[in-house]
Amino acid sequence: MGIIAWILIGLLAGAIAKALMPGKDPGGCLITMAIGIVGGLLGGWLGKVIFGVDSIDGFFSLSTWIAAVVGSVIVLALYRVVTGNRSR
């Protein structure tokens, strides 16, 4: 599966991660999409490196989606730690 597919999965995984971790974050929709893309790529990479399995089996594979959502949740949590309670 190519980078374009991971970007598409990342967009959806970012929305899922935001639903799993609700809260008020600075940024909005564009930041959520960027977090999803980075998280999807991170999840795919972590699946290969840590577990030694090819988590990039296909677009409709459950392991692919789990890796992307877990990566997005990790990136969203890191984003919240870095930004803290900054007000606009």
PDB file of N, CA and C in Angstrom:
ATOM      1  N   MET A   1       0.857  -1.168   0.000  1.00  0.00           N
ATOM      2  CA  MET A   1       0.000   0.000   0.000  1.00  0.00           C
ATOM      3  C   MET A   1       0.902   1.229   0.000  1.00  0.00           C
ATOM      4  N   GLY A   2       0.570   2.213  -0.798  1.00  0.00           N
ATOM      5  CA  GLY A   2       1.416   3.367  -0.962  1.00  0.00           C
ATOM      6  C   GLY A   2       1.129   4.490   0.015  1.00  0.00           C
ATOM      7  N   ILE A   3       1.931   5.517  -0.115  1.00  0.00           N
ATOM      8  CA  ILE A   3       1.834   6.685   0.764  1.00  0.00           C
ATOM      9  C   ILE A   3       0.500   7.405   0.605  1.00  0.00           C
ATOM     10  N   ILE A   4      -0.049   7.417  -0.605  1.00  0.00           N
ATOM     11  CA  ILE A   4      -1.328   8.089  -0.830  1.00  0.00           C
ATOM     12  C   ILE A   4      -2.436   7.394  -0.052  1.00  0.00           C
ATOM     13  N   ALA A   5      -2.419   6.072  -0.028  1.00  0.00           N
ATOM     14  CA  ALA A   5      -3.426   5.326   0.731  1.00  0.00           C
ATOM     15  C   ALA A   5      -3.291   5.613   2.220  1.00  0.00           C
ATOM     16  N   TRP A   6      -2.050   5.719   2.735  1.00  0.00           N
ATOM     17  CA  TRP A   6      -1.876   6.041   4.152  1.00  0.00           C
ATOM     18  C   TRP A   6      -2.350   7.449   4.468  1.00  0.00           C
ATOM     19  N   ILE A   7      -2.217   8.359   3.537  1.00  0.00           N
ATOM     20  CA  ILE A   7      -2.722   9.718   3.756  1.00  0.00           C
ATOM     21  C   ILE A   7      -4.243   9.695   3.830  1.00  0.00           C
ATOM     22  N   LEU A   8      -4.885   8.959   2.941  1.00  0.00           N
ATOM     23  CA  LEU A   8      -6.347   8.853   2.979  1.00  0.00           C
ATOM     24  C   LEU A   8      -6.823   8.190   4.261  1.00  0.00           C
ATOM     25  N   ILE A   9      -6.164   7.115   4.648  1.00  0.00           N
ATOM     26  CA  ILE A   9      -6.523   6.457   5.910  1.00  0.00           C
ATOM     27  C   ILE A   9      -6.264   7.405   7.074  1.00  0.00           C
ATOM     28  N   GLY A  10      -5.177   8.155   7.015  1.00  0.00           N
ATOM     29  CA  GLY A  10      -4.846   9.092   8.082  1.00  0.00           C
ATOM     30  C   GLY A  10      -5.890  10.177   8.272  1.00  0.00           C
ATOM     31  N   LEU A  11      -6.475  10.643   7.188  1.00  0.00           N
ATOM     32  CA  LEU A  11      -7.537  11.645   7.303  1.00  0.00           C
ATOM     33  C   LEU A  11      -8.710  11.109   8.107  1.00  0.00           C
ATOM     34  N   LEU A  12      -9.100   9.893   7.810  1.00  0.00           N
ATOM     35  CA  LEU A  12     -10.206   9.282   8.545  1.00  0.00           C
ATOM     36  C   LEU A  12      -9.782   8.886   9.963  1.00  0.00           C
ATOM     37  N   ALA A  13      -8.557   8.424  10.116  1.00  0.00           N
ATOM     38  CA  ALA A  13      -8.068   8.038  11.444  1.00  0.00           C
ATOM     39  C   ALA A  13      -7.970   9.251  12.367  1.00  0.00           C
ATOM     40  N   GLY A  14      -7.666  10.408  11.830  1.00  0.00           N
ATOM     41  CA  GLY A  14      -7.631  11.631  12.642  1.00  0.00           C
ATOM     42  C   GLY A  14      -9.001  11.968  13.188  1.00  0.00           C
ATOM     43  N   ALA A  15     -10.025  11.801  12.381  1.00  0.00           N
ATOM     44  CA  ALA A  15     -11.394  12.043  12.850  1.00  0.00           C
ATOM     45  C   ALA A  15     -11.789  11.025  13.914  1.00  0.00           C
ATOM     46  N   ILE A  16     -11.397   9.775  13.725  1.00  0.00           N
ATOM     47  CA  ILE A  16     -11.696   8.741  14.716  1.00  0.00           C
ATOM     48  C   ILE A  16     -10.955   9.016  16.019  1.00  0.00           C
ATOM     49  N   ALA A  17      -9.684   9.416  15.928  1.00  0.00           N
ATOM     50  CA  ALA A  17      -8.906   9.731  17.129  1.00  0.00           C
ATOM     51  C   ALA A  17      -9.515  10.904  17.883  1.00  0.00           C
ATOM     52  N   LYS A  18      -9.993  11.896  17.152  1.00  0.00           N
ATOM     53  CA  LYS A  18     -10.637  13.056  17.788  1.00  0.00           C
ATOM     54  C   LYS A  18     -11.920  12.630  18.490  1.00  0.00           C
ATOM     55  N   ALA A  19     -12.649  11.675  17.902  1.00  0.00           N
ATOM     56  CA  ALA A  19     -13.870  11.170  18.541  1.00  0.00           C
ATOM     57  C   ALA A  19     -13.529  10.352  19.794  1.00  0.00           C
ATOM     58  N   LEU A  20     -12.408   9.632  19.766  1.00  0.00           N
ATOM     59  CA  LEU A  20     -11.997   8.845  20.924  1.00  0.00           C
ATOM     60  C   LEU A  20     -11.447   9.709  22.050  1.00  0.00           C
ATOM     61  N   MET A  21     -10.853  10.841  21.697  1.00  0.00           N
ATOM     62  CA  MET A  21     -10.265  11.752  22.681  1.00  0.00           C
ATOM     63  C   MET A  21     -10.892  13.135  22.523  1.00  0.00           C
ATOM     64  N   PRO A  22     -12.167  13.280  22.924  1.00  0.00           N
ATOM     65  CA  PRO A  22     -12.806  14.586  22.738  1.00  0.00           C
ATOM     66  C   PRO A  22     -12.178  15.635  23.650  1.00  0.00           C
ATOM     67  N   GLY A  23     -12.318  16.847  23.247  1.00  0.00           N
ATOM     68  CA  GLY A  23     -11.783  17.958  24.016  1.00  0.00           C
ATOM     69  C   GLY A  23     -11.585  19.149  23.112  1.00  0.00           C
ATOM     70  N   LYS A  24     -11.333  20.272  23.730  1.00  0.00           N
ATOM     71  CA  LYS A  24     -11.137  21.491  22.962  1.00  0.00           C
ATOM     72  C   LYS A  24      -9.663  21.633  22.625  1.00  0.00           C
ATOM     73  N   ASP A  25      -9.381  21.531  21.344  1.00  0.00           N
ATOM     74  CA  ASP A  25      -8.010  21.663  20.862  1.00  0.00           C
ATOM     75  C   ASP A  25      -7.900  22.893  19.985  1.00  0.00           C
ATOM     76  N   PRO A  26      -6.793  23.622  20.103  1.00  0.00           N
ATOM     77  CA  PRO A  26      -6.592  24.729  19.174  1.00  0.00           C
ATOM     78  C   PRO A  26      -6.312  24.185  17.779  1.00  0.00           C
ATOM     79  N   GLY A  27      -6.768  24.848  16.778  1.00  0.00           N
ATOM     80  CA  GLY A  27      -6.468  24.436  15.416  1.00  0.00           C
ATOM     81  C   GLY A  27      -7.696  24.186  14.584  1.00  0.00           C
ATOM     82  N   GLY A  28      -8.474  23.218  14.956  1.00  0.00           N
ATOM     83  CA  GLY A  28      -9.678  22.924  14.204  1.00  0.00           C
ATOM     84  C   GLY A  28      -9.508  21.764  13.245  1.00  0.00           C
ATOM     85  N   CYS A  29     -10.247  21.811  12.162  1.00  0.00           N
ATOM     86  CA  CYS A  29     -10.336  20.708  11.213  1.00  0.00           C
ATOM     87  C   CYS A  29      -9.005  20.444  10.501  1.00  0.00           C
ATOM     88  N   LEU A  30      -8.309  21.490  10.107  1.00  0.00           N
ATOM     89  CA  LEU A  30      -7.042  21.303   9.397  1.00  0.00           C
ATOM     90  C   LEU A  30      -5.985  20.634  10.270  1.00  0.00           C
ATOM     91  N   ILE A  31      -5.922  21.022  11.524  1.00  0.00           N
ATOM     92  CA  ILE A  31      -4.969  20.410  12.450  1.00  0.00           C
ATOM     93  C   ILE A  31      -5.339  18.955  12.686  1.00  0.00           C
ATOM     94  N   THR A  32      -6.634  18.662  12.822  1.00  0.00           N
ATOM     95  CA  THR A  32      -7.077  17.284  13.010  1.00  0.00           C
ATOM     96  C   THR A  32      -6.703  16.420  11.810  1.00  0.00           C
ATOM     97  N   MET A  33      -6.847  16.959  10.601  1.00  0.00           N
ATOM     98  CA  MET A  33      -6.459  16.212   9.411  1.00  0.00           C
ATOM     99  C   MET A  33      -4.954  15.979   9.381  1.00  0.00           C
ATOM    100  N   ALA A  34      -4.174  16.993   9.723  1.00  0.00           N
ATOM    101  CA  ALA A  34      -2.717  16.836   9.740  1.00  0.00           C
ATOM    102  C   ALA A  34      -2.289  15.814  10.787  1.00  0.00           C
ATOM    103  N   ILE A  35      -2.920  15.856  11.953  1.00  0.00           N
ATOM    104  CA  ILE A  35      -2.628  14.882  13.004  1.00  0.00           C
ATOM    105  C   ILE A  35      -2.973  13.478  12.518  1.00  0.00           C
ATOM    106  N   GLY A  36      -4.074  13.345  11.819  1.00  0.00           N
ATOM    107  CA  GLY A  36      -4.466  12.043  11.291  1.00  0.00           C
ATOM    108  C   GLY A  36      -3.481  11.507  10.269  1.00  0.00           C
ATOM    109  N   ILE A  37      -3.019  12.365   9.385  1.00  0.00           N
ATOM    110  CA  ILE A  37      -2.054  11.934   8.368  1.00  0.00           C
ATOM    111  C   ILE A  37      -0.746  11.505   9.018  1.00  0.00           C
ATOM    112  N   VAL A  38      -0.235  12.330   9.921  1.00  0.00           N
ATOM    113  CA  VAL A  38       1.010  11.986  10.614  1.00  0.00           C
ATOM    114  C   VAL A  38       0.812  10.726  11.455  1.00  0.00           C
ATOM    115  N   GLY A  39      -0.331  10.630  12.114  1.00  0.00           N
ATOM    116  CA  GLY A  39      -0.623   9.452  12.928  1.00  0.00           C
ATOM    117  C   GLY A  39      -0.760   8.187  12.106  1.00  0.00           C
ATOM    118  N   GLY A  40      -1.365   8.295  10.938  1.00  0.00           N
ATOM    119  CA  GLY A  40      -1.475   7.134  10.063  1.00  0.00           C
ATOM    120  C   GLY A  40      -0.116   6.649   9.606  1.00  0.00           C
ATOM    121  N   LEU A  41       0.730   7.575   9.228  1.00  0.00           N
ATOM    122  CA  LEU A  41       2.089   7.203   8.822  1.00  0.00           C
ATOM    123  C   LEU A  41       2.879   6.628   9.996  1.00  0.00           C
ATOM    124  N   LEU A  42       2.719   7.233  11.185  1.00  0.00           N
ATOM    125  CA  LEU A  42       3.396   6.739  12.381  1.00  0.00           C
ATOM    126  C   LEU A  42       2.906   5.339  12.736  1.00  0.00           C
ATOM    127  N   GLY A  43       1.608   5.122  12.674  1.00  0.00           N
ATOM    128  CA  GLY A  43       1.059   3.808  12.991  1.00  0.00           C
ATOM    129  C   GLY A  43       1.554   2.741  12.042  1.00  0.00           C
ATOM    130  N   GLY A  44       1.619   3.041  10.773  1.00  0.00           N
ATOM    131  CA  GLY A  44       2.138   2.085   9.804  1.00  0.00           C
ATOM    132  C   GLY A  44       3.599   1.762  10.043  1.00  0.00           C
ATOM    133  N   TRP A  45       4.371   2.780  10.371  1.00  0.00           N
ATOM    134  CA  TRP A  45       5.789   2.572  10.637  1.00  0.00           C
ATOM    135  C   TRP A  45       5.998   1.773  11.925  1.00  0.00           C
ATOM    136  N   LEU A  46       5.249   2.123  12.991  1.00  0.00           N
ATOM    137  CA  LEU A  46       5.377   1.403  14.256  1.00  0.00           C
ATOM    138  C   LEU A  46       4.967  -0.056  14.110  1.00  0.00           C
ATOM    139  N   GLY A  47       3.939  -0.314  13.310  1.00  0.00           N
ATOM    140  CA  GLY A  47       3.508  -1.686  13.084  1.00  0.00           C
ATOM    141  C   GLY A  47       4.605  -2.527  12.455  1.00  0.00           C
ATOM    142  N   LYS A  48       5.352  -1.935  11.554  1.00  0.00           N
ATOM    143  CA  LYS A  48       6.450  -2.661  10.915  1.00  0.00           C
ATOM    144  C   LYS A  48       7.637  -2.826  11.859  1.00  0.00           C
ATOM    145  N   VAL A  49       8.001  -1.756  12.559  1.00  0.00           N
ATOM    146  CA  VAL A  49       9.214  -1.768  13.370  1.00  0.00           C
ATOM    147  C   VAL A  49       9.045  -2.566  14.661  1.00  0.00           C
ATOM    148  N   ILE A  50       8.001  -2.292  15.414  1.00  0.00           N
ATOM    149  CA  ILE A  50       7.845  -2.903  16.733  1.00  0.00           C
ATOM    150  C   ILE A  50       7.393  -4.354  16.641  1.00  0.00           C
ATOM    151  N   PHE A  51       6.358  -4.593  15.844  1.00  0.00           N
ATOM    152  CA  PHE A  51       5.779  -5.935  15.806  1.00  0.00           C
ATOM    153  C   PHE A  51       6.375  -6.813  14.722  1.00  0.00           C
ATOM    154  N   GLY A  52       7.123  -6.251  13.825  1.00  0.00           N
ATOM    155  CA  GLY A  52       7.764  -7.024  12.786  1.00  0.00           C
ATOM    156  C   GLY A  52       6.810  -7.634  11.769  1.00  0.00           C
ATOM    157  N   VAL A  53       5.579  -7.165  11.772  1.00  0.00           N
ATOM    158  CA  VAL A  53       4.599  -7.655  10.807  1.00  0.00           C
ATOM    159  C   VAL A  53       4.268  -6.553   9.832  1.00  0.00           C
ATOM    160  N   ASP A  54       3.847  -6.962   8.689  1.00  0.00           N
ATOM    161  CA  ASP A  54       3.453  -5.983   7.686  1.00  0.00           C
ATOM    162  C   ASP A  54       2.035  -5.536   7.986  1.00  0.00           C
ATOM    163  N   SER A  55       1.903  -4.412   8.701  1.00  0.00           N
ATOM    164  CA  SER A  55       0.576  -3.917   9.060  1.00  0.00           C
ATOM    165  C   SER A  55      -0.096  -3.222   7.894  1.00  0.00           C
ATOM    166  N   ILE A  56       0.605  -3.158   6.802  1.00  0.00           N
ATOM    167  CA  ILE A  56       0.074  -2.477   5.632  1.00  0.00           C
ATOM    168  C   ILE A  56      -0.432  -3.541   4.652  1.00  0.00           C
ATOM    169  N   ASP A  57      -1.381  -4.357   5.134  1.00  0.00           N
ATOM    170  CA  ASP A  57      -1.900  -5.454   4.325  1.00  0.00           C
ATOM    171  C   ASP A  57      -2.811  -4.965   3.208  1.00  0.00           C
ATOM    172  N   GLY A  58      -3.531  -3.936   3.455  1.00  0.00           N
ATOM    173  CA  GLY A  58      -4.436  -3.416   2.446  1.00  0.00           C
ATOM    174  C   GLY A  58      -5.307  -2.327   3.037  1.00  0.00           C
ATOM    175  N   PHE A  59      -5.970  -1.604   2.157  1.00  0.00           N
ATOM    176  CA  PHE A  59      -6.779  -0.472   2.591  1.00  0.00           C
ATOM    177  C   PHE A  59      -7.919  -0.906   3.500  1.00  0.00           C
ATOM    178  N   PHE A  60      -8.489  -2.069   3.248  1.00  0.00           N
ATOM    179  CA  PHE A  60      -9.647  -2.513   4.014  1.00  0.00           C
ATOM    180  C   PHE A  60      -9.285  -3.508   5.107  1.00  0.00           C
ATOM    181  N   SER A  61      -8.007  -3.674   5.394  1.00  0.00           N
ATOM    182  CA  SER A  61      -7.571  -4.589   6.437  1.00  0.00           C
ATOM    183  C   SER A  61      -7.745  -3.949   7.811  1.00  0.00           C
ATOM    184  N   LEU A  62      -8.229  -4.725   8.771  1.00  0.00           N
ATOM    185  CA  LEU A  62      -8.464  -4.212  10.121  1.00  0.00           C
ATOM    186  C   LEU A  62      -7.159  -3.783  10.784  1.00  0.00           C
ATOM    187  N   SER A  63      -6.080  -4.520  10.552  1.00  0.00           N
ATOM    188  CA  SER A  63      -4.800  -4.167  11.173  1.00  0.00           C
ATOM    189  C   SER A  63      -4.286  -2.821  10.667  1.00  0.00           C
ATOM    190  N   THR A  64      -4.559  -2.510   9.427  1.00  0.00           N
ATOM    191  CA  THR A  64      -4.163  -1.216   8.869  1.00  0.00           C
ATOM    192  C   THR A  64      -4.879  -0.083   9.584  1.00  0.00           C
ATOM    193  N   TRP A  65      -6.171  -0.233   9.772  1.00  0.00           N
ATOM    194  CA  TRP A  65      -6.969   0.806  10.424  1.00  0.00           C
ATOM    195  C   TRP A  65      -6.609   0.949  11.890  1.00  0.00           C
ATOM    196  N   ILE A  66      -6.373  -0.180  12.573  1.00  0.00           N
ATOM    197  CA  ILE A  66      -5.981  -0.112  13.985  1.00  0.00           C
ATOM    198  C   ILE A  66      -4.646   0.611  14.125  1.00  0.00           C
ATOM    199  N   ALA A  67      -3.695   0.303  13.264  1.00  0.00           N
ATOM    200  CA  ALA A  67      -2.393   0.969  13.313  1.00  0.00           C
ATOM    201  C   ALA A  67      -2.535   2.462  13.077  1.00  0.00           C
ATOM    202  N   ALA A  68      -3.362   2.846  12.126  1.00  0.00           N
ATOM    203  CA  ALA A  68      -3.550   4.266  11.821  1.00  0.00           C
ATOM    204  C   ALA A  68      -4.234   5.003  12.968  1.00  0.00           C
ATOM    205  N   VAL A  69      -5.245   4.396  13.564  1.00  0.00           N
ATOM    206  CA  VAL A  69      -5.955   5.056  14.668  1.00  0.00           C
ATOM    207  C   VAL A  69      -5.066   5.159  15.893  1.00  0.00           C
ATOM    208  N   VAL A  70      -4.327   4.101  16.209  1.00  0.00           N
ATOM    209  CA  VAL A  70      -3.415   4.153  17.365  1.00  0.00           C
ATOM    210  C   VAL A  70      -2.344   5.217  17.148  1.00  0.00           C
ATOM    211  N   GLY A  71      -1.799   5.283  15.958  1.00  0.00           N
ATOM    212  CA  GLY A  71      -0.816   6.319  15.652  1.00  0.00           C
ATOM    213  C   GLY A  71      -1.402   7.712  15.779  1.00  0.00           C
ATOM    214  N   SER A  72      -2.635   7.888  15.331  1.00  0.00           N
ATOM    215  CA  SER A  72      -3.297   9.197  15.425  1.00  0.00           C
ATOM    216  C   SER A  72      -3.580   9.583  16.867  1.00  0.00           C
ATOM    217  N   VAL A  73      -3.967   8.623  17.685  1.00  0.00           N
ATOM    218  CA  VAL A  73      -4.202   8.909  19.106  1.00  0.00           C
ATOM    219  C   VAL A  73      -2.893   9.315  19.774  1.00  0.00           C
ATOM    220  N   ILE A  74      -1.804   8.643  19.435  1.00  0.00           N
ATOM    221  CA  ILE A  74      -0.496   8.997  19.998  1.00  0.00           C
ATOM    222  C   ILE A  74      -0.111  10.421  19.606  1.00  0.00           C
ATOM    223  N   VAL A  75      -0.267  10.758  18.333  1.00  0.00           N
ATOM    224  CA  VAL A  75       0.098  12.097  17.866  1.00  0.00           C
ATOM    225  C   VAL A  75      -0.815  13.152  18.487  1.00  0.00           C
ATOM    226  N   LEU A  76      -2.107  12.857  18.619  1.00  0.00           N
ATOM    227  CA  LEU A  76      -3.036  13.804  19.242  1.00  0.00           C
ATOM    228  C   LEU A  76      -2.675  14.031  20.705  1.00  0.00           C
ATOM    229  N   ALA A  77      -2.315  12.968  21.421  1.00  0.00           N
ATOM    230  CA  ALA A  77      -1.904  13.113  22.818  1.00  0.00           C
ATOM    231  C   ALA A  77      -0.634  13.950  22.928  1.00  0.00           C
ATOM    232  N   LEU A  78       0.332  13.705  22.055  1.00  0.00           N
ATOM    233  CA  LEU A  78       1.556  14.509  22.059  1.00  0.00           C
ATOM    234  C   LEU A  78       1.268  15.970  21.721  1.00  0.00           C
ATOM    235  N   TYR A  79       0.364  16.191  20.788  1.00  0.00           N
ATOM    236  CA  TYR A  79      -0.019  17.552  20.417  1.00  0.00           C
ATOM    237  C   TYR A  79      -0.628  18.284  21.606  1.00  0.00           C
ATOM    238  N   ARG A  80      -1.475  17.585  22.356  1.00  0.00           N
ATOM    239  CA  ARG A  80      -2.098  18.212  23.535  1.00  0.00           C
ATOM    240  C   ARG A  80      -1.070  18.506  24.617  1.00  0.00           C
ATOM    241  N   VAL A  81      -0.077  17.638  24.775  1.00  0.00           N
ATOM    242  CA  VAL A  81       0.965  17.878  25.765  1.00  0.00           C
ATOM    243  C   VAL A  81       1.805  19.087  25.372  1.00  0.00           C
ATOM    244  N   VAL A  82       2.152  19.178  24.097  1.00  0.00           N
ATOM    245  CA  VAL A  82       3.000  20.284  23.625  1.00  0.00           C
ATOM    246  C   VAL A  82       2.267  21.614  23.686  1.00  0.00           C
ATOM    247  N   THR A  83       1.011  21.630  23.232  1.00  0.00           N
ATOM    248  CA  THR A  83       0.281  22.901  23.202  1.00  0.00           C
ATOM    249  C   THR A  83      -0.274  23.284  24.565  1.00  0.00           C
ATOM    250  N   GLY A  84      -0.543  22.309  25.429  1.00  0.00           N
ATOM    251  CA  GLY A  84      -1.055  22.608  26.761  1.00  0.00           C
ATOM    252  C   GLY A  84      -2.382  23.328  26.712  1.00  0.00           C
ATOM    253  N   ASN A  85      -2.583  24.295  27.590  1.00  0.00           N
ATOM    254  CA  ASN A  85      -3.813  25.071  27.653  1.00  0.00           C
ATOM    255  C   ASN A  85      -3.611  26.472  27.098  1.00  0.00           C
ATOM    256  N   ARG A  86      -2.989  26.549  25.963  1.00  0.00           N
ATOM    257  CA  ARG A  86      -2.769  27.864  25.357  1.00  0.00           C
ATOM    258  C   ARG A  86      -4.098  28.436  24.898  1.00  0.00           C
ATOM    259  N   SER A  87      -4.274  29.682  25.150  1.00  0.00           N
ATOM    260  CA  SER A  87      -5.496  30.334  24.658  1.00  0.00           C
ATOM    261  C   SER A  87      -5.137  31.178  23.445  1.00  0.00           C
ATOM    262  N   ARG A  88      -6.130  31.400  22.614  1.00  0.00           N
ATOM    263  CA  ARG A  88      -5.897  32.157  21.376  1.00  0.00           C
ATOM    264  C   ARG A  88      -5.788  33.633  21.646  1.00  0.00           C
TER     265      ARG A  88
END
